[in-house]
Amino acid sequence: MKAVRFHEYGGIDVLRVEEVARPVPGPGQVLVEVRAAGIQPGETMIRQGARHGRWPATFPSGQGSDLAGVVVEAGPEVRGVAVGDEVLGFTHERASHAEFVVVDDVRLTPRPKGLPWEVAGSLYVAGTTAYATVFAIDLEPGDTVVVSGAAGGVGSLAVQLARRRGATVIGLASERNHAWLAGHGVIPVEYGAGVAERIRQAAGGKVDAFIDTFGEGYVDLAIELGVRPGRIDTIRDWAAAARVGARTDGEGAAACAVVVGELARLAARGQLEVPIARTYPLERVRDAFRELERRHTHGKIVLCPQ
């Protein structure tokens, strides 16, 4: 089969699509033919070696956590899933950017009828991260929350989940994404110089909570706005969080098939929009990451191996 690999830390040019042995499922595992697999900013940092202390790579390294596809083989003692099932879920083995991937049965959930493959294959990291950030800041009806990177892969889901909790949501994004945010009940605010005053004007009072999906000073901005550290959650700026006592709940706090399944059902019913910026074939993985690393996409970028 074909799979994405890199043999050393570096830029986009170290990514290769190589022929490798097709894996064999063991006890409690199935082999999934991958139809879609989302890509993440965290994978860029791992590939560059920027997260070696926290998530070291073993070379040659694969990539990918998110996945959706069809079960084509089952190992012994598999429960709740069978050959022919259409599924979505995740792997912790950095292996879903490939034509086939072995997955533990407990990390899969059925693909709801009508849910597009590209949406199903990009729900895990962005969806569970957004879910965890909203849960971490304990939103209640009537709260006002600010979300940085509000049109990105995680932010676009976090603003919708926060709205479902009854909060007033202020989304920081470039002007070209303001119409989408407004259409989802979010108050759009341009980021950049003077953002604190623009947020205060949009809030019409105090800001109760802050979700930072972007980093680069937003934790300090939340403190400046008077948000208590315990109601600030960042998925990017761990140093600032440690300094002020903010939270860092992300994917790991909600990494289970139950949450993925709940998000998939919301998306299939049209109650959660998962914006797809663009899809790429596996062979164009470098182009996919080149677009991702510009950090201006609205929604998810997805690899489609089949």
C-alpha atoms as a PDB file:
ATOM      1  CA  MET A   1       0.000   0.000   0.000  1.00  0.00           C
ATOM      2  CA  LYS A   2       0.966   3.666  -0.191  1.00  0.00           C
ATOM      3  CA  ALA A   3       1.587   5.668   2.981  1.00  0.00           C
ATOM      4  CA  VAL A   4       3.047   9.028   3.949  1.00  0.00           C
ATOM      5  CA  ARG A   5       6.448   8.753   5.648  1.00  0.00           C
ATOM      6  CA  PHE A   6       9.275  11.019   6.733  1.00  0.00           C
ATOM      7  CA  HIS A   7      12.759   9.811   7.651  1.00  0.00           C
ATOM      8  CA  GLU A   8      14.078  12.907   9.416  1.00  0.00           C
ATOM      9  CA  TYR A   9      12.801  16.112  10.954  1.00  0.00           C
ATOM     10  CA  GLY A  10      12.398  18.973   8.517  1.00  0.00           C
ATOM     11  CA  GLY A  11      10.160  20.984   6.251  1.00  0.00           C
ATOM     12  CA  ILE A  12       7.511  19.862   3.815  1.00  0.00           C
ATOM     13  CA  ASP A  13      10.147  18.411   1.484  1.00  0.00           C
ATOM     14  CA  VAL A  14      10.887  15.520   3.894  1.00  0.00           C
ATOM     15  CA  LEU A  15       7.406  14.086   3.313  1.00  0.00           C
ATOM     16  CA  ARG A  16       7.304  11.089   0.991  1.00  0.00           C
ATOM     17  CA  VAL A  17       4.576   8.779  -0.285  1.00  0.00           C
ATOM     18  CA  GLU A  18       6.133   5.325  -0.137  1.00  0.00           C
ATOM     19  CA  GLU A  19       5.178   1.718  -0.839  1.00  0.00           C
ATOM     20  CA  VAL A  20       4.997  -0.169   2.465  1.00  0.00           C
ATOM     21  CA  ALA A  21       3.677  -3.509   3.637  1.00  0.00           C
ATOM     22  CA  ARG A  22      -0.062  -3.611   4.240  1.00  0.00           C
ATOM     23  CA  PRO A  23      -0.600  -4.084   7.986  1.00  0.00           C
ATOM     24  CA  VAL A  24      -2.396  -7.082   9.500  1.00  0.00           C
ATOM     25  CA  PRO A  25      -4.944  -6.552  12.295  1.00  0.00           C
ATOM     26  CA  GLY A  26      -4.297  -8.247  15.623  1.00  0.00           C
ATOM     27  CA  PRO A  27      -6.708  -9.110  18.451  1.00  0.00           C
ATOM     28  CA  GLY A  28      -9.352  -6.429  18.871  1.00  0.00           C
ATOM     29  CA  GLN A  29      -8.240  -4.658  15.680  1.00  0.00           C
ATOM     30  CA  VAL A  30      -9.585  -4.155  12.159  1.00  0.00           C
ATOM     31  CA  LEU A  31      -8.030  -3.073   8.877  1.00  0.00           C
ATOM     32  CA  VAL A  32      -9.694   0.017   7.417  1.00  0.00           C
ATOM     33  CA  GLU A  33      -9.443   1.076   3.774  1.00  0.00           C
ATOM     34  CA  VAL A  34      -9.054   4.822   4.248  1.00  0.00           C
ATOM     35  CA  ARG A  35     -11.404   7.084   2.288  1.00  0.00           C
ATOM     36  CA  ALA A  36     -10.491  10.345   4.074  1.00  0.00           C
ATOM     37  CA  ALA A  37      -7.985  11.511   6.677  1.00  0.00           C
ATOM     38  CA  GLY A  38      -7.702  15.068   7.982  1.00  0.00           C
ATOM     39  CA  ILE A  39      -4.365  16.818   8.489  1.00  0.00           C
ATOM     40  CA  GLN A  40      -3.449  18.896  11.560  1.00  0.00           C
ATOM     41  CA  PRO A  41      -1.138  21.777  12.523  1.00  0.00           C
ATOM     42  CA  GLY A  42       0.251  19.531  15.270  1.00  0.00           C
ATOM     43  CA  GLU A  43       1.549  17.138  12.634  1.00  0.00           C
ATOM     44  CA  THR A  44       3.565  19.983  11.149  1.00  0.00           C
ATOM     45  CA  MET A  45       5.202  20.687  14.508  1.00  0.00           C
ATOM     46  CA  ILE A  46       5.969  17.000  15.068  1.00  0.00           C
ATOM     47  CA  ARG A  47       7.506  16.685  11.590  1.00  0.00           C
ATOM     48  CA  GLN A  48       9.653  19.775  12.186  1.00  0.00           C
ATOM     49  CA  GLY A  49      10.893  18.397  15.527  1.00  0.00           C
ATOM     50  CA  ALA A  50       9.352  21.322  17.424  1.00  0.00           C
ATOM     51  CA  ARG A  51       7.540  18.899  19.744  1.00  0.00           C
ATOM     52  CA  HIS A  52      10.336  16.343  20.131  1.00  0.00           C
ATOM     53  CA  GLY A  53      10.333  16.627  23.919  1.00  0.00           C
ATOM     54  CA  ARG A  54       6.601  15.956  24.129  1.00  0.00           C
ATOM     55  CA  TRP A  55       5.857  13.826  21.051  1.00  0.00           C
ATOM     56  CA  PRO A  56       9.136  12.417  19.653  1.00  0.00           C
ATOM     57  CA  ALA A  57       9.141  10.746  16.253  1.00  0.00           C
ATOM     58  CA  THR A  58      10.625   7.320  15.572  1.00  0.00           C
ATOM     59  CA  PHE A  59      11.980   7.115  12.026  1.00  0.00           C
ATOM     60  CA  PRO A  60      10.718   6.308   9.544  1.00  0.00           C
ATOM     61  CA  SER A  61       7.598   7.972  10.894  1.00  0.00           C
ATOM     62  CA  GLY A  62       4.076   7.890   9.549  1.00  0.00           C
ATOM     63  CA  GLN A  63       1.460  10.568  10.019  1.00  0.00           C
ATOM     64  CA  GLY A  64      -2.209  10.940  10.739  1.00  0.00           C
ATOM     65  CA  SER A  65      -4.770  10.381  13.501  1.00  0.00           C
ATOM     66  CA  ASP A  66      -8.149  11.156  11.881  1.00  0.00           C
ATOM     67  CA  LEU A  67      -9.695   8.598   9.548  1.00  0.00           C
ATOM     68  CA  ALA A  68     -12.844   7.374   7.885  1.00  0.00           C
ATOM     69  CA  GLY A  69     -13.221   4.356   5.657  1.00  0.00           C
ATOM     70  CA  VAL A  70     -14.482   0.828   5.163  1.00  0.00           C
ATOM     71  CA  VAL A  71     -13.514  -2.187   7.281  1.00  0.00           C
ATOM     72  CA  VAL A  72     -11.926  -4.796   4.978  1.00  0.00           C
ATOM     73  CA  GLU A  73     -10.442  -7.257   7.483  1.00  0.00           C
ATOM     74  CA  ALA A  74     -11.002  -8.088  11.157  1.00  0.00           C
ATOM     75  CA  GLY A  75      -8.655  -9.690  13.648  1.00  0.00           C
ATOM     76  CA  PRO A  76      -9.752 -12.066  16.403  1.00  0.00           C
ATOM     77  CA  GLU A  77     -11.859 -10.895  19.358  1.00  0.00           C
ATOM     78  CA  VAL A  78     -13.216  -7.830  17.522  1.00  0.00           C
ATOM     79  CA  ARG A  79     -16.413  -6.390  18.978  1.00  0.00           C
ATOM     80  CA  GLY A  80     -18.942  -3.924  17.633  1.00  0.00           C
ATOM     81  CA  VAL A  81     -17.559  -3.686  14.094  1.00  0.00           C
ATOM     82  CA  ALA A  82     -17.468  -6.062  11.116  1.00  0.00           C
ATOM     83  CA  VAL A  83     -16.059  -6.335   7.611  1.00  0.00           C
ATOM     84  CA  GLY A  84     -17.976  -4.043   5.268  1.00  0.00           C
ATOM     85  CA  ASP A  85     -18.871  -1.470   7.937  1.00  0.00           C
ATOM     86  CA  GLU A  86     -18.392   2.197   7.110  1.00  0.00           C
ATOM     87  CA  VAL A  87     -16.644   3.799  10.075  1.00  0.00           C
ATOM     88  CA  LEU A  88     -14.836   6.867  11.344  1.00  0.00           C
ATOM     89  CA  GLY A  89     -12.495   7.298  14.257  1.00  0.00           C
ATOM     90  CA  PHE A  90      -8.841   7.626  15.087  1.00  0.00           C
ATOM     91  CA  THR A  91      -5.486   5.989  15.637  1.00  0.00           C
ATOM     92  CA  HIS A  92      -2.695   6.988  18.013  1.00  0.00           C
ATOM     93  CA  GLU A  93      -0.069   5.265  15.840  1.00  0.00           C
ATOM     94  CA  ARG A  94       0.547   8.135  13.360  1.00  0.00           C
ATOM     95  CA  ALA A  95      -0.681   5.972  10.535  1.00  0.00           C
ATOM     96  CA  SER A  96      -3.911   7.218   8.928  1.00  0.00           C
ATOM     97  CA  HIS A  97      -2.276   9.123   6.056  1.00  0.00           C
ATOM     98  CA  ALA A  98      -2.235   5.914   4.067  1.00  0.00           C
ATOM     99  CA  GLU A  99      -4.392   3.679   1.892  1.00  0.00           C
ATOM    100  CA  PHE A 100      -4.977   1.233   4.758  1.00  0.00           C
ATOM    101  CA  VAL A 101      -4.632   1.490   8.535  1.00  0.00           C
ATOM    102  CA  VAL A 102      -5.031  -0.909  11.458  1.00  0.00           C
ATOM    103  CA  VAL A 103      -7.325   0.498  14.150  1.00  0.00           C
ATOM    104  CA  ASP A 104      -8.457  -0.736  17.573  1.00  0.00           C
ATOM    105  CA  ASP A 105     -12.191  -1.502  17.501  1.00  0.00           C
ATOM    106  CA  VAL A 106     -12.832   0.789  20.512  1.00  0.00           C
ATOM    107  CA  ARG A 107     -11.573   3.785  18.506  1.00  0.00           C
ATOM    108  CA  LEU A 108     -14.190   3.492  15.785  1.00  0.00           C
ATOM    109  CA  THR A 109     -17.824   4.535  15.471  1.00  0.00           C
ATOM    110  CA  PRO A 110     -20.303   3.984  12.606  1.00  0.00           C
ATOM    111  CA  ARG A 111     -20.418   6.595   9.852  1.00  0.00           C
ATOM    112  CA  PRO A 112     -23.925   8.109   9.971  1.00  0.00           C
ATOM    113  CA  LYS A 113     -25.887   7.835   6.761  1.00  0.00           C
ATOM    114  CA  GLY A 114     -25.315  10.851   4.530  1.00  0.00           C
ATOM    115  CA  LEU A 115     -22.226  12.152   6.332  1.00  0.00           C
ATOM    116  CA  PRO A 116     -19.651  12.994   3.604  1.00  0.00           C
ATOM    117  CA  TRP A 117     -16.422  11.021   3.759  1.00  0.00           C
ATOM    118  CA  GLU A 118     -14.273  14.163   3.975  1.00  0.00           C
ATOM    119  CA  VAL A 119     -16.246  15.355   7.007  1.00  0.00           C
ATOM    120  CA  ALA A 120     -16.162  11.949   8.688  1.00  0.00           C
ATOM    121  CA  GLY A 121     -12.419  11.698   8.118  1.00  0.00           C
ATOM    122  CA  SER A 122     -11.629  15.056   9.699  1.00  0.00           C
ATOM    123  CA  LEU A 123     -13.742  15.007  12.865  1.00  0.00           C
ATOM    124  CA  TYR A 124     -11.476  13.406  15.448  1.00  0.00           C
ATOM    125  CA  VAL A 125      -8.715  15.899  16.288  1.00  0.00           C
ATOM    126  CA  ALA A 126     -10.578  19.114  15.492  1.00  0.00           C
ATOM    127  CA  GLY A 127     -13.880  17.875  16.885  1.00  0.00           C
ATOM    128  CA  THR A 128     -12.661  16.396  20.152  1.00  0.00           C
ATOM    129  CA  THR A 129     -10.363  19.381  20.707  1.00  0.00           C
ATOM    130  CA  ALA A 130     -13.234  21.827  20.195  1.00  0.00           C
ATOM    131  CA  TYR A 131     -15.463  19.713  22.445  1.00  0.00           C
ATOM    132  CA  ALA A 132     -12.811  19.683  25.187  1.00  0.00           C
ATOM    133  CA  THR A 133     -12.157  23.432  25.041  1.00  0.00           C
ATOM    134  CA  VAL A 134     -15.847  24.281  25.407  1.00  0.00           C
ATOM    135  CA  PHE A 135     -16.230  21.814  28.282  1.00  0.00           C
ATOM    136  CA  ALA A 136     -13.082  23.145  30.002  1.00  0.00           C
ATOM    137  CA  ILE A 137     -14.337  26.721  30.325  1.00  0.00           C
ATOM    138  CA  ASP A 138     -17.689  25.632  31.811  1.00  0.00           C
ATOM    139  CA  LEU A 139     -19.958  27.708  29.605  1.00  0.00           C
ATOM    140  CA  GLU A 140     -23.454  28.566  30.766  1.00  0.00           C
ATOM    141  CA  PRO A 141     -26.323  30.301  28.948  1.00  0.00           C
ATOM    142  CA  GLY A 142     -25.679  34.039  28.922  1.00  0.00           C
ATOM    143  CA  ASP A 143     -21.879  33.789  29.145  1.00  0.00           C
ATOM    144  CA  THR A 144     -19.754  35.693  26.647  1.00  0.00           C
ATOM    145  CA  VAL A 145     -16.793  33.767  25.233  1.00  0.00           C
ATOM    146  CA  VAL A 146     -14.086  34.841  22.791  1.00  0.00           C
ATOM    147  CA  VAL A 147     -12.579  32.294  20.386  1.00  0.00           C
ATOM    148  CA  SER A 148      -9.298  33.040  18.594  1.00  0.00           C
ATOM    149  CA  GLY A 149      -8.734  31.427  15.208  1.00  0.00           C
ATOM    150  CA  ALA A 150     -12.520  31.186  15.022  1.00  0.00           C
ATOM    151  CA  ALA A 151     -12.658  30.158  11.356  1.00  0.00           C
ATOM    152  CA  GLY A 152      -9.974  27.466  11.560  1.00  0.00           C
ATOM    153  CA  GLY A 153     -10.391  23.716  11.855  1.00  0.00           C
ATOM    154  CA  VAL A 154     -10.874  23.721  15.636  1.00  0.00           C
ATOM    155  CA  GLY A 155     -12.225  27.243  16.015  1.00  0.00           C
ATOM    156  CA  SER A 156     -15.041  26.794  13.499  1.00  0.00           C
ATOM    157  CA  LEU A 157     -16.343  23.865  15.557  1.00  0.00           C
ATOM    158  CA  ALA A 158     -15.708  25.466  18.955  1.00  0.00           C
ATOM    159  CA  VAL A 159     -17.818  28.525  18.105  1.00  0.00           C
ATOM    160  CA  GLN A 160     -20.740  26.301  17.082  1.00  0.00           C
ATOM    161  CA  LEU A 161     -20.498  24.102  20.179  1.00  0.00           C
ATOM    162  CA  ALA A 162     -20.299  27.201  22.382  1.00  0.00           C
ATOM    163  CA  ARG A 163     -23.430  28.574  20.725  1.00  0.00           C
ATOM    164  CA  ARG A 164     -25.181  25.270  21.457  1.00  0.00           C
ATOM    165  CA  ARG A 165     -24.438  25.910  25.144  1.00  0.00           C
ATOM    166  CA  GLY A 166     -26.327  29.211  24.943  1.00  0.00           C
ATOM    167  CA  ALA A 167     -23.282  31.486  25.064  1.00  0.00           C
ATOM    168  CA  THR A 168     -22.703  34.722  23.213  1.00  0.00           C
ATOM    169  CA  VAL A 169     -19.671  33.981  21.022  1.00  0.00           C
ATOM    170  CA  ILE A 170     -17.172  36.518  19.701  1.00  0.00           C
ATOM    171  CA  GLY A 171     -15.010  35.027  16.955  1.00  0.00           C
ATOM    172  CA  LEU A 172     -11.624  36.478  16.036  1.00  0.00           C
ATOM    173  CA  ALA A 173     -10.941  36.000  12.332  1.00  0.00           C
ATOM    174  CA  SER A 174      -9.961  37.816   9.155  1.00  0.00           C
ATOM    175  CA  GLU A 175     -12.680  39.853   7.470  1.00  0.00           C
ATOM    176  CA  ARG A 176     -13.143  37.341   4.653  1.00  0.00           C
ATOM    177  CA  ASN A 177     -14.496  34.848   7.236  1.00  0.00           C
ATOM    178  CA  HIS A 178     -16.851  37.260   8.982  1.00  0.00           C
ATOM    179  CA  ALA A 179     -19.889  36.373   6.875  1.00  0.00           C
ATOM    180  CA  TRP A 180     -19.558  32.667   7.736  1.00  0.00           C
ATOM    181  CA  LEU A 181     -19.238  33.458  11.452  1.00  0.00           C
ATOM    182  CA  ALA A 182     -22.193  35.827  11.440  1.00  0.00           C
ATOM    183  CA  GLY A 183     -24.248  33.216   9.613  1.00  0.00           C
ATOM    184  CA  HIS A 184     -23.625  30.837  12.512  1.00  0.00           C
ATOM    185  CA  GLY A 185     -24.691  33.293  15.201  1.00  0.00           C
ATOM    186  CA  VAL A 186     -21.159  34.423  16.058  1.00  0.00           C
ATOM    187  CA  ILE A 187     -20.107  38.064  16.459  1.00  0.00           C
ATOM    188  CA  PRO A 188     -17.083  38.455  14.142  1.00  0.00           C
ATOM    189  CA  VAL A 189     -14.162  40.651  15.194  1.00  0.00           C
ATOM    190  CA  GLU A 190     -11.018  41.382  13.175  1.00  0.00           C
ATOM    191  CA  TYR A 191      -7.790  40.320  14.893  1.00  0.00           C
ATOM    192  CA  GLY A 192      -4.663  42.490  15.020  1.00  0.00           C
ATOM    193  CA  ALA A 193      -3.797  45.870  16.539  1.00  0.00           C
ATOM    194  CA  GLY A 194      -6.598  47.265  18.696  1.00  0.00           C
ATOM    195  CA  VAL A 195      -8.357  43.907  19.073  1.00  0.00           C
ATOM    196  CA  ALA A 196      -8.885  44.301  22.831  1.00  0.00           C
ATOM    197  CA  GLU A 197     -10.993  47.431  22.349  1.00  0.00           C
ATOM    198  CA  ARG A 198     -12.940  45.862  19.490  1.00  0.00           C
ATOM    199  CA  ILE A 199     -13.730  42.867  21.696  1.00  0.00           C
ATOM    200  CA  ARG A 200     -14.919  45.114  24.523  1.00  0.00           C
ATOM    201  CA  GLN A 201     -17.208  46.978  22.145  1.00  0.00           C
ATOM    202  CA  ALA A 202     -18.587  43.730  20.706  1.00  0.00           C
ATOM    203  CA  ALA A 203     -19.121  42.232  24.181  1.00  0.00           C
ATOM    204  CA  GLY A 204     -20.987  45.263  25.488  1.00  0.00           C
ATOM    205  CA  GLY A 205     -19.724  44.356  28.940  1.00  0.00           C
ATOM    206  CA  LYS A 206     -17.440  41.777  30.487  1.00  0.00           C
ATOM    207  CA  VAL A 207     -15.955  38.728  28.798  1.00  0.00           C
ATOM    208  CA  ASP A 208     -16.503  35.558  30.830  1.00  0.00           C
ATOM    209  CA  ALA A 209     -14.322  33.008  29.034  1.00  0.00           C
ATOM    210  CA  PHE A 210     -11.708  32.651  26.297  1.00  0.00           C
ATOM    211  CA  ILE A 211     -10.782  29.768  23.972  1.00  0.00           C
ATOM    212  CA  ASP A 212      -7.404  30.196  22.262  1.00  0.00           C
ATOM    213  CA  THR A 213      -6.845  27.973  19.230  1.00  0.00           C
ATOM    214  CA  PHE A 214      -4.075  30.117  17.713  1.00  0.00           C
ATOM    215  CA  GLY A 215      -1.453  31.048  20.338  1.00  0.00           C
ATOM    216  CA  GLU A 216       0.807  34.081  19.945  1.00  0.00           C
ATOM    217  CA  GLY A 217      -0.375  36.225  22.847  1.00  0.00           C
ATOM    218  CA  TYR A 218      -4.059  35.417  23.176  1.00  0.00           C
ATOM    219  CA  VAL A 219      -3.739  34.062  26.724  1.00  0.00           C
ATOM    220  CA  ASP A 220      -2.337  37.425  27.810  1.00  0.00           C
ATOM    221  CA  LEU A 221      -5.130  39.159  25.892  1.00  0.00           C
ATOM    222  CA  ALA A 222      -7.691  37.134  27.823  1.00  0.00           C
ATOM    223  CA  ILE A 223      -6.117  38.237  31.116  1.00  0.00           C
ATOM    224  CA  GLU A 224      -6.153  41.853  29.872  1.00  0.00           C
ATOM    225  CA  LEU A 225      -9.883  41.471  29.194  1.00  0.00           C
ATOM    226  CA  GLY A 226     -10.447  40.391  32.800  1.00  0.00           C
ATOM    227  CA  VAL A 227     -11.085  36.694  32.197  1.00  0.00           C
ATOM    228  CA  ARG A 228     -10.269  34.474  35.179  1.00  0.00           C
ATOM    229  CA  PRO A 229      -7.397  32.037  34.383  1.00  0.00           C
ATOM    230  CA  GLY A 230      -9.595  29.043  35.164  1.00  0.00           C
ATOM    231  CA  ARG A 231     -11.924  30.045  32.326  1.00  0.00           C
ATOM    232  CA  ILE A 232      -9.163  30.436  29.737  1.00  0.00           C
ATOM    233  CA  ASP A 233      -8.273  27.389  27.644  1.00  0.00           C
ATOM    234  CA  THR A 234      -5.445  27.338  25.097  1.00  0.00           C
ATOM    235  CA  ILE A 235      -4.439  24.512  22.783  1.00  0.00           C
ATOM    236  CA  ARG A 236      -1.287  26.269  21.550  1.00  0.00           C
ATOM    237  CA  ASP A 237       0.403  28.443  24.201  1.00  0.00           C
ATOM    238  CA  TRP A 238       1.277  26.071  27.028  1.00  0.00           C
ATOM    239  CA  ALA A 239       4.012  28.345  28.393  1.00  0.00           C
ATOM    240  CA  ALA A 240       1.599  31.245  28.850  1.00  0.00           C
ATOM    241  CA  ALA A 241      -0.973  28.909  30.382  1.00  0.00           C
ATOM    242  CA  ALA A 242       1.559  27.689  32.934  1.00  0.00           C
ATOM    243  CA  ARG A 243       2.547  31.270  33.739  1.00  0.00           C
ATOM    244  CA  VAL A 244      -0.974  32.543  34.439  1.00  0.00           C
ATOM    245  CA  GLY A 245      -2.716  29.322  35.504  1.00  0.00           C
ATOM    246  CA  ALA A 246      -4.903  28.872  32.412  1.00  0.00           C
ATOM    247  CA  ARG A 247      -6.161  25.503  31.207  1.00  0.00           C
ATOM    248  CA  THR A 248      -4.745  23.484  28.315  1.00  0.00           C
ATOM    249  CA  ASP A 249      -7.486  20.934  27.684  1.00  0.00           C
ATOM    250  CA  GLY A 250      -7.502  19.706  24.096  1.00  0.00           C
ATOM    251  CA  GLU A 251      -7.841  16.526  22.067  1.00  0.00           C
ATOM    252  CA  GLY A 252      -6.571  14.255  24.861  1.00  0.00           C
ATOM    253  CA  ALA A 253      -9.326  15.366  27.244  1.00  0.00           C
ATOM    254  CA  ALA A 254     -12.061  14.059  24.924  1.00  0.00           C
ATOM    255  CA  ALA A 255     -10.246  11.376  22.919  1.00  0.00           C
ATOM    256  CA  CYS A 256     -12.885   8.685  22.685  1.00  0.00           C
ATOM    257  CA  ALA A 257     -15.173   7.184  20.073  1.00  0.00           C
ATOM    258  CA  VAL A 258     -18.255   8.223  22.078  1.00  0.00           C
ATOM    259  CA  VAL A 259     -17.464  11.921  21.588  1.00  0.00           C
ATOM    260  CA  VAL A 260     -16.542  11.390  17.923  1.00  0.00           C
ATOM    261  CA  GLY A 261     -19.821   9.570  17.393  1.00  0.00           C
ATOM    262  CA  GLU A 262     -21.816  12.356  19.029  1.00  0.00           C
ATOM    263  CA  LEU A 263     -20.139  14.965  16.810  1.00  0.00           C
ATOM    264  CA  ALA A 264     -20.710  12.810  13.717  1.00  0.00           C
ATOM    265  CA  ARG A 265     -24.421  12.533  14.460  1.00  0.00           C
ATOM    266  CA  LEU A 266     -24.711  16.304  14.958  1.00  0.00           C
ATOM    267  CA  ALA A 267     -22.944  16.861  11.644  1.00  0.00           C
ATOM    268  CA  ALA A 268     -25.124  14.327   9.823  1.00  0.00           C
ATOM    269  CA  ARG A 269     -28.272  16.050  11.135  1.00  0.00           C
ATOM    270  CA  GLY A 270     -27.035  19.442   9.965  1.00  0.00           C
ATOM    271  CA  GLN A 271     -26.641  20.703  13.539  1.00  0.00           C
ATOM    272  CA  LEU A 272     -22.849  21.068  13.295  1.00  0.00           C
ATOM    273  CA  GLU A 273     -21.160  22.308  10.133  1.00  0.00           C
ATOM    274  CA  VAL A 274     -17.658  20.982   9.520  1.00  0.00           C
ATOM    275  CA  PRO A 275     -16.171  23.340   6.912  1.00  0.00           C
ATOM    276  CA  ILE A 276     -13.891  21.602   4.415  1.00  0.00           C
ATOM    277  CA  ALA A 277     -11.322  23.966   2.938  1.00  0.00           C
ATOM    278  CA  ARG A 278      -9.990  21.521   0.364  1.00  0.00           C
ATOM    279  CA  THR A 279      -9.298  17.864  -0.339  1.00  0.00           C
ATOM    280  CA  TYR A 280      -6.108  16.412  -1.830  1.00  0.00           C
ATOM    281  CA  PRO A 281      -5.096  12.966  -3.090  1.00  0.00           C
ATOM    282  CA  LEU A 282      -2.477  11.208  -0.986  1.00  0.00           C
ATOM    283  CA  GLU A 283       0.230  11.885  -3.593  1.00  0.00           C
ATOM    284  CA  ARG A 284      -0.199  15.644  -3.044  1.00  0.00           C
ATOM    285  CA  VAL A 285       0.390  15.546   0.707  1.00  0.00           C
ATOM    286  CA  ARG A 286       3.105  18.200   0.371  1.00  0.00           C
ATOM    287  CA  ASP A 287       0.655  20.586  -1.299  1.00  0.00           C
ATOM    288  CA  ALA A 288      -1.885  19.906   1.435  1.00  0.00           C
ATOM    289  CA  PHE A 289       0.562  20.841   4.180  1.00  0.00           C
ATOM    290  CA  ARG A 290       1.815  23.811   2.206  1.00  0.00           C
ATOM    291  CA  GLU A 291      -1.732  25.199   2.258  1.00  0.00           C
ATOM    292  CA  LEU A 292      -2.223  24.299   5.931  1.00  0.00           C
ATOM    293  CA  GLU A 293       0.975  26.020   7.016  1.00  0.00           C
ATOM    294  CA  ARG A 294      -0.170  29.348   5.607  1.00  0.00           C
ATOM    295  CA  ARG A 295      -2.572  29.333   8.598  1.00  0.00           C
ATOM    296  CA  HIS A 296      -5.345  31.130   6.746  1.00  0.00           C
ATOM    297  CA  THR A 297      -7.648  28.262   5.730  1.00  0.00           C
ATOM    298  CA  HIS A 298     -11.303  28.206   6.693  1.00  0.00           C
ATOM    299  CA  GLY A 299     -12.019  24.735   7.985  1.00  0.00           C
ATOM    300  CA  LYS A 300     -10.291  21.421   7.401  1.00  0.00           C
ATOM    301  CA  ILE A 301      -7.852  20.179   4.775  1.00  0.00           C
ATOM    302  CA  VAL A 302      -8.330  16.487   4.038  1.00  0.00           C
ATOM    303  CA  LEU A 303      -6.353  13.738   2.287  1.00  0.00           C
ATOM    304  CA  CYS A 304      -8.410  11.282   0.229  1.00  0.00           C
ATOM    305  CA  PRO A 305      -6.282   8.182  -0.480  1.00  0.00           C
ATOM    306  CA  GLN A 306      -8.956   6.287  -2.456  1.00  0.00           C
END
